[in-house]
Amino acid sequence: MTEELELIIDSAKESMDNGIAHLEKTLLNIRAGKASPQMLGSVFVDYYGSQTPLSQVANVNAADARTLSVTPWEKTMLQPIEKAIMIANLGLNPMNNGDNIIINIPALTEERRKELSKQAKMEAEDAKIVIRNARKDANNDIKKEEKNGTSEDICKVAEERIQKLTDVYVKKIEDVFAAKEAEIMTI
């Protein structure tokens, strides 16, 4: 195997790793019925004119399985944080008690669980597209190497390695999705 082909394979593997990491990060934002500080990971607060992640202006804790507590580091940030949580459209209703913001996490209905499961499935499909695109790019690069004089047999072996990588990563995506779906559907 030539050094160029090894670099192509390594690059494809890195792209696939990034696809899995992105999927896992995205699935953290899909709530599964119990309170988790990651649920507010997509919330950005207007902090003196710039959009800042909630975690950088307040402490977010899961008080119990059904309650999140958001304690801002500056009392003046209570209103902007409350507003940002509502704007984020997470289906959460923040309550400001003057010191911190309490968010009660409602139990999920069967219909909402199915919606969240569909959303997770769409994210998994998007991740599979990333994996397939990495495979396509790698195969195109391998074909260029073949045109530049690399042996056809060596290129064929590289393409087979790329396909095996693709199969492994698609399986990982299916496993990550299955775990998230089970978490969502568990009452």
N, C-alpha and C. Protein backbone atom coordinates (compact mmCIF):
# COMPACT_ATOMS: atom_id res chain seq x y z
N MET A 1 0.86 -1.17 0.00
CA MET A 1 0.00 0.00 0.00
C MET A 1 0.90 1.24 0.00
N THR A 2 0.62 2.16 -0.89
CA THR A 2 1.45 3.36 -0.97
C THR A 2 1.10 4.33 0.15
N GLU A 3 2.00 5.25 0.41
CA GLU A 3 1.80 6.24 1.47
C GLU A 3 0.60 7.14 1.15
N GLU A 4 0.43 7.48 -0.13
CA GLU A 4 -0.70 8.33 -0.54
C GLU A 4 -2.03 7.63 -0.23
N LEU A 5 -2.11 6.34 -0.54
CA LEU A 5 -3.35 5.61 -0.28
C LEU A 5 -3.62 5.50 1.22
N GLU A 6 -2.56 5.31 2.02
CA GLU A 6 -2.74 5.26 3.48
C GLU A 6 -3.27 6.59 3.99
N LEU A 7 -2.76 7.70 3.43
CA LEU A 7 -3.25 9.02 3.83
C LEU A 7 -4.72 9.21 3.45
N ILE A 8 -5.10 8.71 2.29
CA ILE A 8 -6.50 8.80 1.84
C ILE A 8 -7.40 8.03 2.81
N ILE A 9 -6.97 6.82 3.18
CA ILE A 9 -7.75 5.99 4.10
C ILE A 9 -7.84 6.66 5.48
N ASP A 10 -6.71 7.21 5.97
CA ASP A 10 -6.71 7.89 7.26
C ASP A 10 -7.64 9.11 7.24
N SER A 11 -7.63 9.84 6.13
CA SER A 11 -8.49 11.02 6.00
C SER A 11 -9.96 10.62 6.02
N ALA A 12 -10.30 9.53 5.33
CA ALA A 12 -11.68 9.04 5.31
C ALA A 12 -12.10 8.61 6.72
N LYS A 13 -11.19 7.91 7.43
CA LYS A 13 -11.50 7.46 8.79
C LYS A 13 -11.75 8.67 9.70
N GLU A 14 -10.93 9.72 9.55
CA GLU A 14 -11.09 10.92 10.37
C GLU A 14 -12.45 11.58 10.09
N SER A 15 -12.83 11.66 8.82
CA SER A 15 -14.14 12.23 8.46
C SER A 15 -15.27 11.42 9.07
N MET A 16 -15.13 10.10 9.04
CA MET A 16 -16.16 9.22 9.61
C MET A 16 -16.23 9.38 11.12
N ASP A 17 -15.06 9.50 11.78
CA ASP A 17 -15.04 9.73 13.23
C ASP A 17 -15.77 11.03 13.57
N ASN A 18 -15.51 12.07 12.77
CA ASN A 18 -16.17 13.36 12.99
C ASN A 18 -17.68 13.24 12.82
N GLY A 19 -18.13 12.43 11.86
CA GLY A 19 -19.55 12.21 11.65
C GLY A 19 -20.21 11.56 12.86
N ILE A 20 -19.54 10.57 13.44
CA ILE A 20 -20.06 9.88 14.63
C ILE A 20 -20.09 10.85 15.82
N ALA A 21 -19.00 11.62 15.99
CA ALA A 21 -18.93 12.58 17.11
C ALA A 21 -20.05 13.61 17.00
N HIS A 22 -20.29 14.09 15.79
CA HIS A 22 -21.35 15.09 15.59
C HIS A 22 -22.72 14.48 15.91
N LEU A 23 -22.93 13.25 15.48
CA LEU A 23 -24.21 12.57 15.77
C LEU A 23 -24.42 12.46 17.28
N GLU A 24 -23.39 12.00 17.99
CA GLU A 24 -23.52 11.83 19.44
C GLU A 24 -23.82 13.16 20.12
N LYS A 25 -23.15 14.22 19.67
CA LYS A 25 -23.38 15.55 20.26
C LYS A 25 -24.81 16.02 19.96
N THR A 26 -25.27 15.80 18.74
CA THR A 26 -26.62 16.22 18.36
C THR A 26 -27.67 15.44 19.14
N LEU A 27 -27.45 14.15 19.34
CA LEU A 27 -28.43 13.33 20.06
C LEU A 27 -28.52 13.70 21.54
N LEU A 28 -27.46 14.30 22.09
CA LEU A 28 -27.51 14.76 23.48
C LEU A 28 -28.58 15.83 23.66
N ASN A 29 -28.82 16.62 22.60
CA ASN A 29 -29.80 17.70 22.69
C ASN A 29 -31.24 17.22 22.56
N ILE A 30 -31.41 15.97 22.16
CA ILE A 30 -32.77 15.41 22.07
C ILE A 30 -33.09 14.80 23.43
N ARG A 31 -34.07 15.39 24.09
CA ARG A 31 -34.32 14.96 25.47
C ARG A 31 -35.06 13.62 25.51
N ALA A 32 -34.80 12.90 26.57
CA ALA A 32 -35.38 11.56 26.69
C ALA A 32 -36.24 11.42 27.94
N GLY A 33 -36.83 12.53 28.39
CA GLY A 33 -37.75 12.44 29.51
C GLY A 33 -37.17 12.78 30.86
N LYS A 34 -35.86 12.60 31.05
CA LYS A 34 -35.29 12.97 32.34
C LYS A 34 -34.40 14.20 32.18
N ALA A 35 -34.34 15.00 33.22
CA ALA A 35 -33.60 16.26 33.17
C ALA A 35 -32.10 16.02 33.01
N SER A 36 -31.49 16.80 32.12
CA SER A 36 -30.06 16.72 31.89
C SER A 36 -29.57 18.11 31.47
N PRO A 37 -28.46 18.58 32.05
CA PRO A 37 -27.95 19.91 31.67
C PRO A 37 -27.68 20.04 30.17
N GLN A 38 -27.39 18.93 29.49
CA GLN A 38 -27.14 18.98 28.04
C GLN A 38 -28.37 19.41 27.26
N MET A 39 -29.54 19.29 27.87
CA MET A 39 -30.77 19.69 27.18
C MET A 39 -30.74 21.18 26.82
N LEU A 40 -29.99 21.95 27.58
CA LEU A 40 -29.90 23.38 27.33
C LEU A 40 -28.62 23.74 26.57
N GLY A 41 -27.97 22.74 26.00
CA GLY A 41 -26.72 22.96 25.27
C GLY A 41 -26.87 23.84 24.04
N SER A 42 -28.07 23.90 23.47
CA SER A 42 -28.28 24.70 22.26
C SER A 42 -28.77 26.11 22.57
N VAL A 43 -28.86 26.46 23.86
CA VAL A 43 -29.37 27.78 24.25
C VAL A 43 -28.23 28.80 24.26
N PHE A 44 -28.45 29.90 23.54
CA PHE A 44 -27.49 31.00 23.53
C PHE A 44 -28.15 32.24 24.11
N VAL A 45 -27.42 32.94 24.98
CA VAL A 45 -27.94 34.10 25.70
C VAL A 45 -27.27 35.36 25.16
N ASP A 46 -28.06 36.44 25.07
CA ASP A 46 -27.52 37.73 24.68
C ASP A 46 -26.75 38.28 25.88
N TYR A 47 -25.44 38.18 25.86
CA TYR A 47 -24.59 38.60 26.97
C TYR A 47 -23.80 39.83 26.55
N TYR A 48 -24.29 40.99 26.94
CA TYR A 48 -23.68 42.27 26.57
C TYR A 48 -23.45 42.38 25.07
N GLY A 49 -24.46 42.01 24.30
CA GLY A 49 -24.43 42.20 22.86
C GLY A 49 -23.90 41.04 22.04
N SER A 50 -23.38 40.00 22.67
CA SER A 50 -22.90 38.85 21.88
C SER A 50 -23.64 37.58 22.33
N GLN A 51 -23.88 36.71 21.37
CA GLN A 51 -24.57 35.45 21.65
C GLN A 51 -23.57 34.49 22.31
N THR A 52 -23.87 34.11 23.55
CA THR A 52 -22.96 33.31 24.36
C THR A 52 -23.69 32.04 24.82
N PRO A 53 -23.01 30.88 24.78
CA PRO A 53 -23.66 29.66 25.27
C PRO A 53 -24.09 29.82 26.73
N LEU A 54 -25.24 29.28 27.07
CA LEU A 54 -25.79 29.37 28.42
C LEU A 54 -24.77 28.91 29.46
N SER A 55 -24.02 27.86 29.15
CA SER A 55 -23.07 27.29 30.11
C SER A 55 -21.95 28.27 30.47
N GLN A 56 -21.78 29.34 29.68
CA GLN A 56 -20.73 30.31 29.97
C GLN A 56 -21.22 31.51 30.78
N VAL A 57 -22.54 31.59 31.02
CA VAL A 57 -23.08 32.69 31.81
C VAL A 57 -23.83 32.20 33.05
N ALA A 58 -23.98 30.88 33.18
CA ALA A 58 -24.73 30.35 34.31
C ALA A 58 -24.31 28.91 34.61
N ASN A 59 -24.65 28.48 35.80
CA ASN A 59 -24.41 27.10 36.21
C ASN A 59 -25.72 26.33 35.99
N VAL A 60 -25.67 25.26 35.23
CA VAL A 60 -26.87 24.48 34.94
C VAL A 60 -26.74 23.11 35.63
N ASN A 61 -27.72 22.78 36.48
CA ASN A 61 -27.70 21.52 37.22
C ASN A 61 -29.03 20.80 37.08
N ALA A 62 -28.97 19.48 37.15
CA ALA A 62 -30.20 18.68 37.23
C ALA A 62 -30.47 18.48 38.71
N ALA A 63 -31.47 19.20 39.23
CA ALA A 63 -31.80 19.09 40.65
C ALA A 63 -32.33 17.69 40.99
N ASP A 64 -33.14 17.14 40.09
CA ASP A 64 -33.62 15.77 40.18
C ASP A 64 -33.99 15.31 38.77
N ALA A 65 -34.63 14.16 38.65
CA ALA A 65 -34.92 13.59 37.33
C ALA A 65 -35.88 14.44 36.50
N ARG A 66 -36.62 15.34 37.14
CA ARG A 66 -37.63 16.14 36.44
C ARG A 66 -37.40 17.65 36.53
N THR A 67 -36.27 18.08 37.12
CA THR A 67 -36.06 19.52 37.33
C THR A 67 -34.65 19.95 36.98
N LEU A 68 -34.55 21.06 36.22
CA LEU A 68 -33.27 21.69 35.94
C LEU A 68 -33.22 23.01 36.70
N SER A 69 -32.05 23.34 37.20
CA SER A 69 -31.86 24.60 37.90
C SER A 69 -30.75 25.38 37.18
N VAL A 70 -31.05 26.63 36.82
CA VAL A 70 -30.08 27.48 36.14
C VAL A 70 -29.77 28.65 37.07
N THR A 71 -28.52 28.74 37.53
CA THR A 71 -28.11 29.82 38.42
C THR A 71 -27.13 30.72 37.68
N PRO A 72 -27.55 31.93 37.32
CA PRO A 72 -26.65 32.83 36.60
C PRO A 72 -25.55 33.35 37.52
N TRP A 73 -24.39 33.68 36.93
CA TRP A 73 -23.30 34.22 37.71
C TRP A 73 -23.52 35.70 38.00
N GLU A 74 -24.41 36.33 37.22
CA GLU A 74 -24.78 37.72 37.47
C GLU A 74 -26.30 37.78 37.56
N LYS A 75 -26.82 38.38 38.61
CA LYS A 75 -28.28 38.45 38.80
C LYS A 75 -28.97 39.17 37.63
N THR A 76 -28.26 40.10 36.98
CA THR A 76 -28.86 40.85 35.86
C THR A 76 -29.14 39.95 34.66
N MET A 77 -28.59 38.75 34.66
CA MET A 77 -28.75 37.84 33.52
C MET A 77 -30.00 36.96 33.64
N LEU A 78 -30.75 37.05 34.74
CA LEU A 78 -31.94 36.21 34.92
C LEU A 78 -32.93 36.37 33.76
N GLN A 79 -33.31 37.62 33.44
CA GLN A 79 -34.29 37.86 32.37
C GLN A 79 -33.77 37.39 31.01
N PRO A 80 -32.54 37.79 30.60
CA PRO A 80 -32.04 37.32 29.29
C PRO A 80 -31.97 35.80 29.19
N ILE A 81 -31.60 35.12 30.28
CA ILE A 81 -31.52 33.65 30.26
C ILE A 81 -32.91 33.05 30.10
N GLU A 82 -33.86 33.57 30.86
CA GLU A 82 -35.24 33.08 30.76
C GLU A 82 -35.77 33.26 29.33
N LYS A 83 -35.51 34.43 28.76
CA LYS A 83 -35.95 34.73 27.40
C LYS A 83 -35.28 33.77 26.39
N ALA A 84 -33.98 33.55 26.57
CA ALA A 84 -33.23 32.68 25.65
C ALA A 84 -33.75 31.25 25.68
N ILE A 85 -34.13 30.76 26.85
CA ILE A 85 -34.64 29.39 26.98
C ILE A 85 -35.98 29.29 26.24
N MET A 86 -36.81 30.33 26.35
CA MET A 86 -38.08 30.31 25.63
C MET A 86 -37.87 30.39 24.12
N ILE A 87 -36.95 31.25 23.68
CA ILE A 87 -36.68 31.43 22.25
C ILE A 87 -36.11 30.16 21.64
N ALA A 88 -35.36 29.38 22.43
CA ALA A 88 -34.73 28.16 21.92
C ALA A 88 -35.74 27.12 21.47
N ASN A 89 -37.02 27.30 21.83
CA ASN A 89 -38.10 26.42 21.37
C ASN A 89 -37.84 24.95 21.73
N LEU A 90 -37.50 24.72 22.98
CA LEU A 90 -37.24 23.36 23.45
C LEU A 90 -38.47 22.74 24.11
N GLY A 91 -39.56 23.50 24.15
CA GLY A 91 -40.78 23.00 24.79
C GLY A 91 -40.68 23.04 26.31
N LEU A 92 -39.82 23.93 26.82
CA LEU A 92 -39.62 24.04 28.26
C LEU A 92 -40.19 25.37 28.75
N ASN A 93 -40.68 25.39 29.99
CA ASN A 93 -41.27 26.59 30.56
C ASN A 93 -40.46 27.02 31.78
N PRO A 94 -39.51 27.98 31.59
CA PRO A 94 -38.67 28.41 32.71
C PRO A 94 -39.45 29.27 33.71
N MET A 95 -39.14 29.10 35.00
CA MET A 95 -39.77 29.91 36.06
C MET A 95 -38.66 30.63 36.82
N ASN A 96 -38.74 31.95 36.88
CA ASN A 96 -37.75 32.78 37.54
C ASN A 96 -38.20 33.02 38.97
N ASN A 97 -37.38 32.62 39.95
CA ASN A 97 -37.76 32.84 41.35
C ASN A 97 -36.95 33.96 42.00
N GLY A 98 -36.26 34.77 41.20
CA GLY A 98 -35.49 35.89 41.72
C GLY A 98 -34.03 35.57 41.96
N ASP A 99 -33.70 34.32 42.24
CA ASP A 99 -32.30 33.92 42.44
C ASP A 99 -31.80 33.03 41.31
N ASN A 100 -32.67 32.15 40.86
CA ASN A 100 -32.31 31.26 39.76
C ASN A 100 -33.55 30.92 38.95
N ILE A 101 -33.33 30.13 37.91
CA ILE A 101 -34.43 29.74 37.04
C ILE A 101 -34.65 28.24 37.21
N ILE A 102 -35.88 27.87 37.48
CA ILE A 102 -36.24 26.47 37.67
C ILE A 102 -37.02 26.03 36.42
N ILE A 103 -36.66 24.88 35.90
CA ILE A 103 -37.35 24.35 34.72
C ILE A 103 -37.85 22.96 35.07
N ASN A 104 -39.16 22.79 35.11
CA ASN A 104 -39.75 21.47 35.32
C ASN A 104 -39.85 20.78 33.97
N ILE A 105 -39.33 19.58 33.91
CA ILE A 105 -39.34 18.81 32.67
C ILE A 105 -40.61 17.96 32.66
N PRO A 106 -41.53 18.26 31.73
CA PRO A 106 -42.77 17.47 31.70
C PRO A 106 -42.50 16.05 31.20
N ALA A 107 -43.32 15.13 31.67
CA ALA A 107 -43.21 13.75 31.17
C ALA A 107 -43.58 13.75 29.70
N LEU A 108 -42.91 12.91 28.93
CA LEU A 108 -43.18 12.86 27.49
C LEU A 108 -44.42 12.04 27.19
N THR A 109 -45.24 12.54 26.27
CA THR A 109 -46.39 11.76 25.82
C THR A 109 -45.89 10.74 24.80
N GLU A 110 -46.70 9.74 24.52
CA GLU A 110 -46.33 8.72 23.54
C GLU A 110 -46.07 9.37 22.18
N GLU A 111 -46.92 10.33 21.82
CA GLU A 111 -46.78 11.02 20.54
C GLU A 111 -45.45 11.78 20.47
N ARG A 112 -45.10 12.46 21.56
CA ARG A 112 -43.85 13.23 21.61
C ARG A 112 -42.65 12.28 21.55
N ARG A 113 -42.76 11.14 22.20
CA ARG A 113 -41.67 10.15 22.15
C ARG A 113 -41.43 9.70 20.70
N LYS A 114 -42.53 9.47 19.97
CA LYS A 114 -42.40 9.04 18.57
C LYS A 114 -41.77 10.15 17.73
N GLU A 115 -42.16 11.40 17.99
CA GLU A 115 -41.58 12.54 17.28
C GLU A 115 -40.08 12.62 17.53
N LEU A 116 -39.69 12.51 18.79
CA LEU A 116 -38.27 12.58 19.14
C LEU A 116 -37.49 11.41 18.54
N SER A 117 -38.12 10.25 18.48
CA SER A 117 -37.49 9.09 17.87
C SER A 117 -37.26 9.33 16.38
N LYS A 118 -38.26 9.93 15.71
CA LYS A 118 -38.11 10.28 14.28
C LYS A 118 -36.99 11.28 14.09
N GLN A 119 -36.92 12.26 14.98
CA GLN A 119 -35.87 13.27 14.89
C GLN A 119 -34.50 12.62 15.04
N ALA A 120 -34.37 11.70 15.99
CA ALA A 120 -33.10 10.99 16.19
C ALA A 120 -32.76 10.16 14.96
N LYS A 121 -33.77 9.54 14.35
CA LYS A 121 -33.54 8.73 13.16
C LYS A 121 -33.04 9.60 12.00
N MET A 122 -33.62 10.82 11.87
CA MET A 122 -33.17 11.73 10.82
C MET A 122 -31.71 12.13 11.04
N GLU A 123 -31.34 12.37 12.29
CA GLU A 123 -29.95 12.71 12.60
C GLU A 123 -29.03 11.55 12.26
N ALA A 124 -29.47 10.33 12.54
CA ALA A 124 -28.68 9.14 12.21
C ALA A 124 -28.52 9.01 10.70
N GLU A 125 -29.59 9.29 9.95
CA GLU A 125 -29.51 9.22 8.48
C GLU A 125 -28.54 10.27 7.95
N ASP A 126 -28.56 11.48 8.54
CA ASP A 126 -27.62 12.52 8.14
C ASP A 126 -26.18 12.07 8.39
N ALA A 127 -25.96 11.40 9.51
CA ALA A 127 -24.62 10.90 9.83
C ALA A 127 -24.19 9.84 8.81
N LYS A 128 -25.13 8.99 8.38
CA LYS A 128 -24.81 7.98 7.37
C LYS A 128 -24.41 8.65 6.06
N ILE A 129 -25.06 9.77 5.73
CA ILE A 129 -24.71 10.50 4.51
C ILE A 129 -23.28 11.02 4.61
N VAL A 130 -22.89 11.51 5.80
CA VAL A 130 -21.52 11.97 6.00
C VAL A 130 -20.54 10.82 5.76
N ILE A 131 -20.88 9.64 6.28
CA ILE A 131 -20.01 8.46 6.11
C ILE A 131 -19.90 8.10 4.62
N ARG A 132 -21.04 8.09 3.93
CA ARG A 132 -21.02 7.73 2.50
C ARG A 132 -20.26 8.76 1.68
N ASN A 133 -20.38 10.04 2.04
CA ASN A 133 -19.63 11.08 1.33
C ASN A 133 -18.13 10.91 1.54
N ALA A 134 -17.74 10.54 2.76
CA ALA A 134 -16.32 10.29 3.04
C ALA A 134 -15.83 9.12 2.19
N ARG A 135 -16.67 8.08 2.04
CA ARG A 135 -16.30 6.93 1.21
C ARG A 135 -16.15 7.36 -0.25
N LYS A 136 -17.12 8.15 -0.73
CA LYS A 136 -17.09 8.61 -2.12
C LYS A 136 -15.83 9.44 -2.40
N ASP A 137 -15.53 10.37 -1.49
CA ASP A 137 -14.34 11.21 -1.67
C ASP A 137 -13.07 10.36 -1.68
N ALA A 138 -13.00 9.40 -0.76
CA ALA A 138 -11.81 8.53 -0.69
C ALA A 138 -11.69 7.70 -1.97
N ASN A 139 -12.81 7.14 -2.45
CA ASN A 139 -12.75 6.34 -3.68
C ASN A 139 -12.34 7.19 -4.88
N ASN A 140 -12.82 8.44 -4.94
CA ASN A 140 -12.40 9.33 -6.02
C ASN A 140 -10.90 9.60 -5.96
N ASP A 141 -10.38 9.82 -4.74
CA ASP A 141 -8.94 10.05 -4.57
C ASP A 141 -8.14 8.81 -4.95
N ILE A 142 -8.67 7.64 -4.62
CA ILE A 142 -7.99 6.38 -4.99
C ILE A 142 -7.94 6.24 -6.51
N LYS A 143 -9.03 6.57 -7.19
CA LYS A 143 -9.05 6.50 -8.66
C LYS A 143 -8.03 7.46 -9.27
N LYS A 144 -7.87 8.63 -8.66
CA LYS A 144 -6.85 9.59 -9.14
C LYS A 144 -5.46 8.99 -9.00
N GLU A 145 -5.23 8.31 -7.87
CA GLU A 145 -3.93 7.67 -7.66
C GLU A 145 -3.68 6.57 -8.70
N GLU A 146 -4.76 5.86 -9.05
CA GLU A 146 -4.64 4.81 -10.06
C GLU A 146 -4.26 5.42 -11.41
N LYS A 147 -4.88 6.57 -11.75
CA LYS A 147 -4.54 7.25 -13.00
C LYS A 147 -3.12 7.77 -12.98
N ASN A 148 -2.60 8.07 -11.79
CA ASN A 148 -1.24 8.57 -11.65
C ASN A 148 -0.21 7.45 -11.61
N GLY A 149 -0.64 6.22 -11.85
CA GLY A 149 0.31 5.13 -12.00
C GLY A 149 0.35 4.10 -10.88
N THR A 150 -0.47 4.25 -9.85
CA THR A 150 -0.50 3.25 -8.78
C THR A 150 -1.18 1.99 -9.32
N SER A 151 -0.66 0.85 -8.94
CA SER A 151 -1.17 -0.43 -9.42
C SER A 151 -2.67 -0.60 -9.15
N GLU A 152 -3.36 -1.19 -10.14
CA GLU A 152 -4.81 -1.41 -10.02
C GLU A 152 -5.14 -2.31 -8.84
N ASP A 153 -4.32 -3.33 -8.61
CA ASP A 153 -4.55 -4.26 -7.50
C ASP A 153 -4.45 -3.55 -6.14
N ILE A 154 -3.46 -2.70 -5.99
CA ILE A 154 -3.28 -1.97 -4.74
C ILE A 154 -4.46 -1.03 -4.52
N CYS A 155 -4.91 -0.38 -5.57
CA CYS A 155 -6.07 0.52 -5.47
C CYS A 155 -7.33 -0.25 -5.10
N LYS A 156 -7.47 -1.46 -5.65
CA LYS A 156 -8.63 -2.30 -5.34
C LYS A 156 -8.64 -2.65 -3.85
N VAL A 157 -7.47 -2.98 -3.30
CA VAL A 157 -7.35 -3.30 -1.87
C VAL A 157 -7.73 -2.07 -1.03
N ALA A 158 -7.28 -0.90 -1.45
CA ALA A 158 -7.60 0.34 -0.73
C ALA A 158 -9.12 0.59 -0.74
N GLU A 159 -9.75 0.37 -1.91
CA GLU A 159 -11.20 0.56 -2.01
C GLU A 159 -11.94 -0.42 -1.09
N GLU A 160 -11.43 -1.65 -1.00
CA GLU A 160 -12.06 -2.64 -0.11
C GLU A 160 -11.93 -2.22 1.35
N ARG A 161 -10.76 -1.66 1.71
CA ARG A 161 -10.57 -1.18 3.09
C ARG A 161 -11.52 -0.03 3.40
N ILE A 162 -11.72 0.86 2.43
CA ILE A 162 -12.65 1.98 2.61
C ILE A 162 -14.07 1.44 2.80
N GLN A 163 -14.45 0.43 2.02
CA GLN A 163 -15.79 -0.14 2.16
C GLN A 163 -15.97 -0.80 3.53
N LYS A 164 -14.93 -1.51 4.00
CA LYS A 164 -15.02 -2.14 5.33
C LYS A 164 -15.16 -1.08 6.41
N LEU A 165 -14.40 0.02 6.28
CA LEU A 165 -14.52 1.14 7.22
C LEU A 165 -15.94 1.70 7.21
N THR A 166 -16.48 1.88 6.00
CA THR A 166 -17.84 2.41 5.85
C THR A 166 -18.83 1.50 6.57
N ASP A 167 -18.71 0.20 6.36
CA ASP A 167 -19.62 -0.75 7.00
C ASP A 167 -19.54 -0.66 8.52
N VAL A 168 -18.31 -0.55 9.05
CA VAL A 168 -18.10 -0.47 10.50
C VAL A 168 -18.76 0.80 11.05
N TYR A 169 -18.58 1.92 10.36
CA TYR A 169 -19.13 3.19 10.85
C TYR A 169 -20.66 3.26 10.72
N VAL A 170 -21.20 2.68 9.67
CA VAL A 170 -22.66 2.65 9.53
C VAL A 170 -23.25 1.81 10.68
N LYS A 171 -22.58 0.72 11.02
CA LYS A 171 -23.03 -0.12 12.15
C LYS A 171 -22.96 0.68 13.46
N LYS A 172 -21.88 1.47 13.64
CA LYS A 172 -21.76 2.30 14.85
C LYS A 172 -22.93 3.28 14.94
N ILE A 173 -23.28 3.88 13.81
CA ILE A 173 -24.39 4.84 13.78
C ILE A 173 -25.68 4.14 14.18
N GLU A 174 -25.91 2.96 13.63
CA GLU A 174 -27.13 2.22 13.96
C GLU A 174 -27.17 1.87 15.45
N ASP A 175 -26.02 1.53 16.03
CA ASP A 175 -25.96 1.21 17.46
C ASP A 175 -26.25 2.44 18.31
N VAL A 176 -25.65 3.59 17.93
CA VAL A 176 -25.88 4.84 18.67
C VAL A 176 -27.36 5.22 18.60
N PHE A 177 -27.95 5.10 17.41
CA PHE A 177 -29.37 5.42 17.25
C PHE A 177 -30.25 4.47 18.06
N ALA A 178 -29.94 3.18 18.02
CA ALA A 178 -30.75 2.20 18.76
C ALA A 178 -30.72 2.51 20.26
N ALA A 179 -29.56 2.88 20.78
CA ALA A 179 -29.45 3.21 22.21
C ALA A 179 -30.27 4.46 22.53
N LYS A 180 -30.22 5.48 21.66
CA LYS A 180 -30.97 6.70 21.90
C LYS A 180 -32.47 6.44 21.79
N GLU A 181 -32.86 5.63 20.81
CA GLU A 181 -34.28 5.32 20.65
C GLU A 181 -34.81 4.58 21.87
N ALA A 182 -34.03 3.65 22.40
CA ALA A 182 -34.45 2.92 23.59
C ALA A 182 -34.59 3.89 24.77
N GLU A 183 -33.66 4.83 24.87
CA GLU A 183 -33.71 5.83 25.95
C GLU A 183 -34.96 6.71 25.82
N ILE A 184 -35.29 7.11 24.59
CA ILE A 184 -36.46 7.96 24.34
C ILE A 184 -37.75 7.21 24.64
N MET A 185 -37.83 5.97 24.24
CA MET A 185 -39.09 5.21 24.35
C MET A 185 -39.32 4.64 25.75
N THR A 186 -38.27 4.67 26.61
CA THR A 186 -38.43 4.17 27.98
C THR A 186 -39.19 5.19 28.81
N ILE A 187 -40.21 4.72 29.48
CA ILE A 187 -41.03 5.65 30.30
C ILE A 187 -40.43 5.76 31.67
